[in-house]
Each structure stands twice: as C-alpha cells, then as structure tokens.
Amino acid sequence: GNLEETLASIKLSKDIMPKEADKINHGPTLVIHGEALLAGHEILKKGGSSIDAVEASVRVMEDCPFFNAGKGSVFTIGGKNELEASIMLGIDSHTAGACTLLSTVKNPITLAKTLLQDPENPHVFLGGIEAEKYAKSKGLEMVDPGYFWTKMRWKQHLDGLEEKKPENLRMLNDLDAGDSRDAADPNPMGTVGAVAIDINGIISTATSTGGFNNKKDGRIGDTPLIACGTWADNETCGVSGTGNGEFFIRYSVAYDVAARMKYLEESVQDAASYVINHLEKVGGIGGLIALDKYGNFAMPFNTDGMFRGYIRVSEAVPYAYIFNDE
C-alpha cells in the first residue's frame, strides 16, 4: 500500500476518457485526485463497498506528507494545523459524515466515515474539541499535533508571513475582490478526494484537506461541507472538489454538477466541464472529479495541473495524469 508502489505501477495515458457510449455500464470504478488508486481498487475487485474503497484511497494520501491532507497539511496563520474531511453515500437517504478543526485525529476521513456509520450518532457534522473527543471514544488513532508538522509546509507558512504576499492578503480577506488565481497553494499536491461506484451500484465520495496556507485560524472550507466540496447520488454522480474553497462554497460546486445532470439531463462530462468553466469565469480556481452510475467520469480543472487518475475493476489498469493533455 505504499504511495511509491502505487506511483510505480501507474500507467500514464493521454486517453482521458474512453469513447464508449455513455450508458454502457463499466462496472466498479474508482476516480481520485491525488494518487492512491490501488488501495481502493483492492477493495472494489473483491466485491467490497464503495465507501470502504474511497476511505482507503484517501487514507493513503492522508498518510503521505506530499498531499495537503493529514500528514502533509498546511498551517494556519497562527501556525497550527486544522484538518477537515467529509464522506457521503449516494443512497436515497443521502447519508453523510463530516468533521473539521481537527488537530489530533490522524485520519480525518476515518472520523467522517465513523460519524456516517454510527447508528447512535444523529449528526452529519462535528468540529473541534468535541469531534476529537468523539474520535477518541470510538478508538480512532490519535496523534500529538506535532505529528502533522512537515518541513515543507512550515517553510510555506513562514514564507507567507515574511513576504506578506498580496495574494495571501486577498485570501485572508475572504477573497472579496479580484481574480484569485494567484492565491493558489504553490504546491500542486493539494486537497485529496476519491469517488467510487461498487458492484451494487452505490456511489461514495470522500474528500480531505488541510485548507490553504496561512488561512485564518478557525476557517472552515468547502471540503467538509456537503454539496460544496463533496456530493454523492446514485442516480446522478459522485463529486469531490479541490481548489479555492470559498468559491466552491458560494456556488455549491459539487451539487451543481449533479443538479445539471438531473434537471438538464447532461452527461457527467458536460456537467462537470460547465461547472468548472463557470467557476473560472467568476474568479474561482480548482478542479473536480465526478463519476456517474455507469462508471463514466470527468476530471476537469482550470489550473495548470491536477493530480488525478482512475481504475476500473474490469481493466485492472491504473491511469494517472497531472497536466492537460492539450
């Protein structure tokens, strides 16, 4: 399950989307932004559930210091790590779990999944100290806040404080004006997410992040907000977003893709592309991964690149991409 082994096994290709008809059922499929395809694939190929597959994929990336989630999370302006995550099932009840403002839970995505699956928990969303108390009571792995410190992210934090870059000031001013393109995290490995459909036709979506560099302490982004950074609906699609969270919140980006499919009867590719293009027009940067009930997917973005990939149980070959193929 090493990230290095996963990357070594990935087959690069320019064929972003196979050209079969939209309604051919491709069977169990996993799509991610970030790189952890094999962990989820192992679960799907054995007939396992999509929620277990997306959690496993995201956990691999949370444990890797190169991604802005879990171990590799960025720092707040106050020098803290505040992590957040969400997970959702595409069943009729729209079951979901979300958590935020975490500093001692090793794997936020596992906490989100625990919240979702706990029959005694009536809430979708928990944050801060109480969320961490809950995680501990459920036996989840807890760590000292220092576990999340990495040299690379600390340097980014200090550089941002010292230089007081205009783009950082814009971000801290809630991005009220101007094009925020320059305010992107300088490290391209950002928020991580996964969407999968299993042998039973159930779609699940998982997303996890540390937020953006030098965000205000206590800031909550789109990642743990259902319909903004995460969405799942068996009848339309599952969506996980990465990018400028304030815009994903304002425009309900994840749900918007599904809504266009439901009400306009657009394909997952057309709906996802439209939403990301519109996001760029209003000054938001980022990308998303989306997967429909037939295993068709879309991975549009309006940045220079986005780590992303997919694998199908029917093919058992992982594909991964970074930049546009244009």
Foldseek 3Di string as FASTA:
>chain_A
DAQVVQVVQADADQCPFDDDDQQAFQAKKKKKFDTQAPQLLVQQLVQHAQLNSFLRSVLNVLVDLQAQFQQVNAAALVGFFKKKKKKFKQDPVGQIAIEIRDQWQRRRQVLGVCLRPPPVRPDRYDYDPVSVVVCVVVPGHTHHSCSSDDPVRVVVQVVCVVVVDPLLVCVQVVVPDDFSQVVWAPRQRYKIKMWIAHNVLMIMIMIMGRAHHRHHNPDDFQRRPELQQWGHHSQFKTKGWDWSRSLSVVVSLGVQLRCCCVPVVDHSAVSQVVSQVVCVVVRTFIWMWMAYSSGGIYTDGDHQWTWMWMDGSVVRHIYITTGNSD
